Amino acid sequence: MELAVWTDPLSGSNCYLVGEGGGCLVVDPNDPEGPLSVLEQRGWTPELVALTHEHCDHVAGLEALRARWPEAKTIAAAACSANLGNTRLNMSAVMELYLAFHGKPGVRYPPFACRAADTVYTRPYTARWRGHRIRCVPLPGHTPGSAGIFLDGETLFSGDYLLPGGETVLRLPGGSPEDYRRVTRPFLEGLPRGLTVRPGHGASYML
């Protein structure tokens, strides 16, 4: 396997691209151009797209990827899939304001909606990709559709949880401190040492 990362210069979000045998697992296609350019340059064909959650800075490139490679299948938690088409819950309706508040005024960010995922789940779900085990675990709190994506039990694509040096944000539309305390925090606290974490923002690290 080979790993490539596209970091969106606007939001700082990470798109992870895992290539093997000419195929690719894409986690969080965050931009309409950057991840696609990586795929083209490396000659990888996206086969499975996994979403850690529904926020626009993690899915802004989803429809562009689908248009270029319509055979690629998308997998997401059921709530994430449902909220992809809601401009309030996917945050695209307020992204210009959010960016201005964080020191980037004047940036145009038109609201957008994405189609639902091809495969959805409401409880832990395992998919197979080129002999690899992709385990998806619903982890509500940051958003209703947040999830952890495990690759072969060795790597966790954590979305907006476990950010290096950052807090877990629970106050955005759809966020739930109660769900986080009840479901997600105990799960994250029980993760094994030695697991590689690839967060939605920031550098990868090992627990």
Foldseek 3Di string as FASTA:
>chain_A
DDWDWDQDPQPQFIWIWDDDPQEIEIEQPQAQPGVVVVCVVVNHQYAEYEYQAQANRRCVNVVSSCVVRVNHFYEFAPQRQVCQAPQQQNVQVCVQVVSVVVPRHPDDRHGDHDHGGPHHDNAWDWDDDPNWIWIWGQQAALANTGIWIDINLAEIAREQPPAVPDDRDQPGVRGDPVSNVPPPPVVVVPRDFNHWYDYRHDDIDTD
